[in-house]
Each structure stands twice: as C-alpha cells, then as structure tokens.
Amino acid sequence: MSEQENLVKAKQELRKQAKAKLAEICADKEDLYARQAELIKEIELSTEFKKAKTILSYYPIEYEFDLSSMIISNPNKQWVLPRAIGGARMLLFEAGDLFDLIETRFKVKAPPATNSLFKTSEIDLVLVPGLAFSKSNQRLGRGGAYYDSLLAELKKSTKTIGVCPKELVWDELASEDHDIKVKKVLAV
C-alpha cells in the first residue's frame, strides 16, 4: 500500500472514530444545548467576531453544533452561508431568513440561489465545522474537500475559527497537502 493510500485509510478511520464520539456527545441533548450556548457565547466574545462585518457560518448537518441562533441574535452582522455545487466547490450566499433555506441535492440546507452572492474576498470571518481538529489547528472534515477548497481561496486577513466538542481536539491528525488549517479552534 502506498503512503497516500495509508493516509487516506488513516483519515477514514479517524472519521469513523470522530463520528462515533460525536454520536455519543449528541445523544445527551441537554449537554449538547448547553455546549452550543457556551460556544456561541465564546464566539460572540471573541475579537475576531467583534471586528467582523461579514461572517460565513454554516447550517448544521448531522453531529455539528447549531450556530444559527447567532444569525438571528446579531442582525448588525452580514451573514453568509455556503451552498455546495459539486466538485468540492461552494458558492456563498446571503443567509437571509433562515425559514427560507432550502434542502439542496446534497441534503444540506442552504440559502436560495436568488439571495445575494458573495465573493470569498468579502468575508471577514469563517466559522468552520469539522469532525475533529488538532491542537495545531488541522481540520478533519467529512472527506469532500469543500472547506479545504474554500479556505484556500480566502484572503490572508480573513479569520477562520474551527468549532467542535473539546473531546475532538486531538494531538494530531493525518493530513494531506490540500488540507488547510484554521487560524483558531474553539472547543467546548
């Protein structure tokens, strides 16, 4: 088996372990909601958030922290959500009213394509979901490279904050050349 094949296999195993841990964490709804509230508070108190005018967040899928209440409680910020279009590419749309989100062919809720489109150069802060992160800010995603492609396109001054449960900040992660680190991790 080649080094690349070993790396891919290692990442698949890490994803499996992370998903099992996330399922365990998410089973306790009371704890999950408390963690989400704590994470939102930490984000809102961060310098990165306070300085940001335009924020790219995400709408949660299975085992991701739900940060959508921040969109509602911070109307003074310009909120943007991604919409996957295939080929590890995402378009960025104004979040708008969360009740207007639609389920895409990827089974992820996203803004309708009629909302205003944003360029990566217009984003000040990105809140990045991940299955796990390392202590050196490496990210383990779901394997589609969507966020790696997005993070690679950002201007250098854009702040990136990875979010996950504290149990999923590991010493290190298997990493490939295309894997992009976040600038900061907030874990609760």
Foldseek 3Di string as FASTA:
>chain_A
DDPVVVLVVQLVVLLVVLLVVLVVQVVPVVNLVVQLVVLLVVLCPDPLNVPWQEEEEEDDDPSWRGNVVCCVVCVSHFYWYWDDDDPLETWIFGQPDVVQWDQDPVRGTHHDPVGDTDDLANGQEYEAEASAAEPVQWGRHPPRNNVLVSVVRHDPNRAYEYEEAPVRHHNDGRDDPSTDGGPYYDHD
